[in-house]
C-alpha atoms as a PDB file:
ATOM      1  CA  MET A   1     -75.854 -28.816  36.004  1.00  0.00           C
ATOM      2  CA  PHE A   2     -79.573 -27.273  35.267  1.00  0.00           C
ATOM      3  CA  THR A   3     -80.264 -27.614  32.250  1.00  0.00           C
ATOM      4  CA  MET A   4     -83.082 -25.372  30.088  1.00  0.00           C
ATOM      5  CA  GLY A   5     -85.226 -25.469  26.816  1.00  0.00           C
ATOM      6  CA  PHE A   6     -84.425 -28.821  25.242  1.00  0.00           C
ATOM      7  CA  GLY A   7     -82.314 -31.067  28.238  1.00  0.00           C
ATOM      8  CA  LEU A   8     -79.128 -28.932  26.631  1.00  0.00           C
ATOM      9  CA  PRO A   9     -76.940 -27.428  29.921  1.00  0.00           C
ATOM     10  CA  VAL A  10     -76.770 -23.074  30.174  1.00  0.00           C
ATOM     11  CA  SER A  11     -73.390 -23.144  29.632  1.00  0.00           C
ATOM     12  CA  GLY A  12     -73.763 -24.745  26.495  1.00  0.00           C
ATOM     13  CA  LEU A  13     -76.087 -20.946  25.306  1.00  0.00           C
ATOM     14  CA  ILE A  14     -73.193 -19.102  28.138  1.00  0.00           C
ATOM     15  CA  GLY A  15     -70.041 -20.913  26.082  1.00  0.00           C
ATOM     16  CA  GLY A  16     -71.769 -19.477  22.837  1.00  0.00           C
ATOM     17  CA  ILE A  17     -71.925 -15.877  24.061  1.00  0.00           C
ATOM     18  CA  ILE A  18     -68.766 -15.965  26.112  1.00  0.00           C
ATOM     19  CA  ALA A  19     -67.060 -17.122  22.355  1.00  0.00           C
ATOM     20  CA  ILE A  20     -69.379 -14.321  20.077  1.00  0.00           C
ATOM     21  CA  VAL A  21     -68.203 -11.786  22.773  1.00  0.00           C
ATOM     22  CA  PHE A  22     -64.001 -13.088  22.472  1.00  0.00           C
ATOM     23  CA  GLY A  23     -64.540 -13.045  18.787  1.00  0.00           C
ATOM     24  CA  ILE A  24     -65.656  -9.091  18.768  1.00  0.00           C
ATOM     25  CA  LEU A  25     -63.396  -7.827  21.082  1.00  0.00           C
ATOM     26  CA  ILE A  26     -60.717 -10.025  18.937  1.00  0.00           C
ATOM     27  CA  LEU A  27     -62.247  -8.264  15.813  1.00  0.00           C
ATOM     28  CA  ILE A  28     -61.635  -4.892  17.719  1.00  0.00           C
ATOM     29  CA  PHE A  29     -58.558  -5.430  19.827  1.00  0.00           C
ATOM     30  CA  PRO A  30     -56.248  -7.935  17.745  1.00  0.00           C
ATOM     31  CA  ARG A  31     -53.356  -7.854  20.616  1.00  0.00           C
ATOM     32  CA  ILE A  32     -55.477  -9.438  22.863  1.00  0.00           C
ATOM     33  CA  ILE A  33     -55.371 -12.336  21.312  1.00  0.00           C
ATOM     34  CA  ASN A  34     -51.931 -12.817  21.789  1.00  0.00           C
ATOM     35  CA  TYR A  35     -52.448 -12.882  25.482  1.00  0.00           C
ATOM     36  CA  LEU A  36     -54.882 -15.289  25.456  1.00  0.00           C
ATOM     37  CA  ILE A  37     -53.402 -17.307  22.996  1.00  0.00           C
ATOM     38  CA  GLY A  38     -50.074 -17.445  25.141  1.00  0.00           C
ATOM     39  CA  ILE A  39     -51.949 -18.805  28.685  1.00  0.00           C
ATOM     40  CA  ALA A  40     -53.917 -20.840  26.275  1.00  0.00           C
ATOM     41  CA  LEU A  41     -50.572 -22.722  24.995  1.00  0.00           C
ATOM     42  CA  ILE A  42     -48.858 -22.617  28.825  1.00  0.00           C
ATOM     43  CA  LEU A  43     -52.531 -24.415  30.225  1.00  0.00           C
ATOM     44  CA  SER A  44     -51.959 -26.779  27.297  1.00  0.00           C
ATOM     45  CA  GLY A  45     -48.042 -27.508  27.722  1.00  0.00           C
ATOM     46  CA  ILE A  46     -48.635 -28.151  31.567  1.00  0.00           C
ATOM     47  CA  LEU A  47     -51.338 -30.918  30.798  1.00  0.00           C
ATOM     48  CA  GLY A  48     -49.572 -32.533  28.582  1.00  0.00           C
ATOM     49  CA  ILE A  49     -46.623 -33.155  30.000  1.00  0.00           C
ATOM     50  CA  ILE A  50     -49.125 -34.039  33.151  1.00  0.00           C
ATOM     51  CA  ALA A  51     -50.341 -36.325  30.744  1.00  0.00           C
ATOM     52  CA  GLY A  52     -47.289 -37.866  29.277  1.00  0.00           C
ATOM     53  CA  SER A  53     -47.029 -36.094  25.501  1.00  0.00           C
ATOM     54  CA  LEU A  54     -43.514 -34.977  27.100  1.00  0.00           C
ATOM     55  CA  LEU A  55     -41.829 -33.807  23.516  1.00  0.00           C
ATOM     56  CA  ILE A  56     -45.364 -31.705  22.915  1.00  0.00           C
ATOM     57  CA  GLY A  57     -46.214 -30.535  26.370  1.00  0.00           C
ATOM     58  CA  ILE A  58     -42.635 -28.829  26.252  1.00  0.00           C
ATOM     59  CA  LEU A  59     -42.786 -27.207  23.195  1.00  0.00           C
ATOM     60  CA  SER A  60     -46.221 -26.029  24.298  1.00  0.00           C
ATOM     61  CA  LEU A  61     -44.908 -24.149  26.947  1.00  0.00           C
ATOM     62  CA  ILE A  62     -42.085 -22.677  25.687  1.00  0.00           C
ATOM     63  CA  PHE A  63     -44.208 -21.431  22.970  1.00  0.00           C
ATOM     64  CA  GLY A  64     -46.731 -19.649  25.619  1.00  0.00           C
ATOM     65  CA  ILE A  65     -43.730 -18.010  27.714  1.00  0.00           C
ATOM     66  CA  ILE A  66     -41.694 -16.751  25.552  1.00  0.00           C
ATOM     67  CA  ILE A  67     -45.401 -15.332  23.475  1.00  0.00           C
ATOM     68  CA  MET A  68     -45.862 -13.588  26.868  1.00  0.00           C
ATOM     69  CA  ILE A  69     -43.090 -12.272  27.054  1.00  0.00           C
ATOM     70  CA  PHE A  70     -42.361 -11.044  23.614  1.00  0.00           C
ATOM     71  CA  PRO A  71     -46.449 -10.744  22.731  1.00  0.00           C
ATOM     72  CA  ARG A  72     -45.852  -8.315  19.493  1.00  0.00           C
ATOM     73  CA  ILE A  73     -44.006 -11.802  17.164  1.00  0.00           C
ATOM     74  CA  LEU A  74     -46.911 -14.193  18.292  1.00  0.00           C
ATOM     75  CA  ASN A  75     -48.474 -14.686  14.901  1.00  0.00           C
ATOM     76  CA  TYR A  76     -44.812 -15.945  13.716  1.00  0.00           C
ATOM     77  CA  LEU A  77     -44.220 -17.670  16.766  1.00  0.00           C
ATOM     78  CA  ILE A  78     -47.430 -19.349  16.566  1.00  0.00           C
ATOM     79  CA  GLY A  79     -46.695 -20.403  12.542  1.00  0.00           C
ATOM     80  CA  ALA A  80     -43.230 -22.022  13.662  1.00  0.00           C
ATOM     81  CA  TYR A  81     -45.339 -23.515  16.468  1.00  0.00           C
ATOM     82  CA  LEU A  82     -47.792 -25.041  13.902  1.00  0.00           C
ATOM     83  CA  ILE A  83     -45.462 -26.118  11.419  1.00  0.00           C
ATOM     84  CA  ILE A  84     -43.569 -27.811  14.493  1.00  0.00           C
ATOM     85  CA  ILE A  85     -47.040 -29.604  15.863  1.00  0.00           C
ATOM     86  CA  GLY A  86     -47.335 -30.638  11.892  1.00  0.00           C
ATOM     87  CA  LEU A  87     -44.152 -32.263  11.159  1.00  0.00           C
ATOM     88  CA  ILE A  88     -44.477 -34.047  14.355  1.00  0.00           C
ATOM     89  CA  THR A  89     -47.441 -35.433  13.579  1.00  0.00           C
ATOM     90  CA  ILE A  90     -47.061 -36.666   9.679  1.00  0.00           C
ATOM     91  CA  ILE A  91     -43.542 -38.245  11.657  1.00  0.00           C
ATOM     92  CA  GLY A  92     -45.402 -40.128  14.135  1.00  0.00           C
ATOM     93  CA  ALA A  93     -48.355 -40.763  11.331  1.00  0.00           C
ATOM     94  CA  VAL A  94     -45.628 -42.438   8.444  1.00  0.00           C
ATOM     95  CA  VAL A  95     -43.016 -44.022  11.120  1.00  0.00           C
ATOM     96  CA  GLY A  96     -44.431 -47.559  12.438  1.00  0.00           C
ATOM     97  CA  ALA A  97     -48.002 -48.408  11.690  1.00  0.00           C
ATOM     98  CA  PHE A  98     -49.398 -46.050   8.785  1.00  0.00           C
ATOM     99  CA  ALA A  99     -52.223 -43.635   9.493  1.00  0.00           C
ATOM    100  CA  LEU A 100     -53.888 -42.022   7.731  1.00  0.00           C
ATOM    101  CA  ILE A 101     -56.138 -39.415   9.695  1.00  0.00           C
ATOM    102  CA  PRO A 102     -53.123 -38.253  11.579  1.00  0.00           C
ATOM    103  CA  LEU A 103     -51.314 -37.925   8.285  1.00  0.00           C
ATOM    104  CA  ILE A 104     -53.842 -35.822   7.322  1.00  0.00           C
ATOM    105  CA  ILE A 105     -54.215 -33.708  10.418  1.00  0.00           C
ATOM    106  CA  GLY A 106     -50.556 -33.480  10.209  1.00  0.00           C
ATOM    107  CA  ILE A 107     -50.360 -31.719   6.395  1.00  0.00           C
ATOM    108  CA  ILE A 108     -52.964 -30.189   7.436  1.00  0.00           C
ATOM    109  CA  ILE A 109     -51.271 -28.030  10.513  1.00  0.00           C
ATOM    110  CA  LEU A 110     -48.585 -28.013   8.461  1.00  0.00           C
ATOM    111  CA  LEU A 111     -50.113 -26.014   5.773  1.00  0.00           C
ATOM    112  CA  PHE A 112     -51.377 -23.671   8.462  1.00  0.00           C
ATOM    113  CA  GLY A 113     -47.921 -23.273   9.511  1.00  0.00           C
ATOM    114  CA  ILE A 114     -46.515 -21.994   6.331  1.00  0.00           C
ATOM    115  CA  ILE A 115     -49.760 -20.093   5.739  1.00  0.00           C
ATOM    116  CA  VAL A 116     -49.130 -18.007   9.130  1.00  0.00           C
ATOM    117  CA  MET A 117     -45.327 -17.933   8.374  1.00  0.00           C
ATOM    118  CA  PHE A 118     -46.401 -16.292   5.079  1.00  0.00           C
ATOM    119  CA  ASN A 119     -49.160 -13.945   6.355  1.00  0.00           C
ATOM    120  CA  PRO A 120     -49.444 -13.838   9.973  1.00  0.00           C
ATOM    121  CA  GLY A 121     -51.820 -10.529  10.124  1.00  0.00           C
ATOM    122  CA  ILE A 122     -54.191 -13.282   8.734  1.00  0.00           C
ATOM    123  CA  LEU A 123     -54.310 -15.005  12.279  1.00  0.00           C
ATOM    124  CA  ASN A 124     -56.154 -12.709  14.620  1.00  0.00           C
ATOM    125  CA  ALA A 125     -58.800 -12.312  11.860  1.00  0.00           C
ATOM    126  CA  LEU A 126     -58.725 -16.065  11.805  1.00  0.00           C
ATOM    127  CA  VAL A 127     -58.562 -17.170  14.972  1.00  0.00           C
ATOM    128  CA  ALA A 128     -61.355 -14.007  15.783  1.00  0.00           C
ATOM    129  CA  ILE A 129     -64.149 -15.468  12.952  1.00  0.00           C
ATOM    130  CA  ALA A 130     -63.602 -18.873  13.925  1.00  0.00           C
ATOM    131  CA  LEU A 131     -65.022 -18.220  18.079  1.00  0.00           C
ATOM    132  CA  ILE A 132     -67.605 -16.035  16.279  1.00  0.00           C
ATOM    133  CA  ILE A 133     -68.584 -19.277  14.818  1.00  0.00           C
ATOM    134  CA  MET A 134     -68.709 -21.516  17.223  1.00  0.00           C
ATOM    135  CA  GLY A 135     -70.061 -19.490  19.416  1.00  0.00           C
ATOM    136  CA  PHE A 136     -73.025 -19.062  16.637  1.00  0.00           C
ATOM    137  CA  LEU A 137     -73.163 -23.082  16.368  1.00  0.00           C
ATOM    138  CA  ALA A 138     -73.171 -23.214  20.450  1.00  0.00           C
ATOM    139  CA  ILE A 139     -75.878 -20.941  20.677  1.00  0.00           C
ATOM    140  CA  ALA A 140     -78.123 -22.904  17.950  1.00  0.00           C
ATOM    141  CA  ARG A 141     -77.665 -26.078  19.536  1.00  0.00           C
ATOM    142  CA  TYR A 142     -78.781 -24.812  22.834  1.00  0.00           C
ATOM    143  CA  PHE A 143     -81.848 -23.838  21.351  1.00  0.00           C
ATOM    144  CA  GLY A 144     -81.884 -26.981  19.552  1.00  0.00           C
ATOM    145  CA  TRP A 145     -81.854 -25.334  16.046  1.00  0.00           C
ATOM    146  CA  PHE A 146     -80.027 -28.384  14.796  1.00  0.00           C
END
């Protein structure tokens, strides 16, 4: 891979720019996120099934297909999806050998799901802002600012 400047791949700069552009596009055209998330969930579901994580893979695939068919209910579906994944993660962390980090991650995912269910309009803004921040971080790392 072609590297430039500080030995980091050029894709870090390009990836950062793409993330910022997508974040701005989502803020301007919030409905575009519906299709992006639907596609991401379908791909995640397929990869999850291939990797052997059948339950989460099938859930991701089903939610992705539903989002592509009914994009206007995306935020509620994502909220429900996060709640289910959070509960599965919590149960997995508690059953068998207790694991603190997965338990905390499960609780955070569950809380995000509940927040999105009660305030569905927040999802688009949060994703857009997260993409913009990640884009700036990727660009900063590319130029070696930290």
